[in-house]
Amino acid sequence: MTAVSSSPLGSVPVLETERLVLRGPAIGDFDAVAAFYADPRSQPVGGCLTRVEAWMRFTSGAGQWLLRGYGFWEIEDRATGRNVGRAGIYHPDGWPEPELGWMIYAGTDEGRGLAREAATAAREGAALHFGMNRVMSSIEASNHRSIQLAERMGAVRDGMWTTPYGPMLRFRHGVAP
């Protein structure tokens, strides 16, 4: 008997922009993820983690593709092939709905518009591939850069809510301001 199967992660849609490729997570991405979560810059997204804790965060994100059929895409710089961050849909247990999230791993990659390009592609990909047209983003009130990005993307404030990480501002995408 011959069994033919494909990995659920093999079915992750690939999204391409002018400068970026958004693709499913791969084991080779972990070092960049661990370095990001070890850096104090990651504090607004639950960072300052040990390598073991970063591994748990990374694998739980990858597992969402398997269990939910969507998740975070890893962001690859087309020019260098380097993994520069992640953007996509976060939906852990206890979350009331899917959330559009984004992060750039290295401070040297900030300020280049990569987060906006990737988050916009992820939002469009979520709508196209998963029918998610009104996703929300949860952002810590002190994370001014992410708040500004959500607003530049046209998301509107939709109150606050309490997450397992504490209170967060909620922004709604796909709603006219």
Foldseek 3Di string as FASTA:
>chain_A
DDDDDDDLQVPFDWFDDPFKIWGADDPVCLVLQQQQLCDPVCVQVPGVDHSVVSVVVVVVQNCCCVVVVWGKTFIAGPVPRDGFWIWAWDDDPPDPDIATDIDGRDPVPPPPCPRLVRSVRRQVCCCVPPVPQKHKHWGAPVPVVVVVSCVVQQWAWDAWDQDPVGITTMTIPNDHD
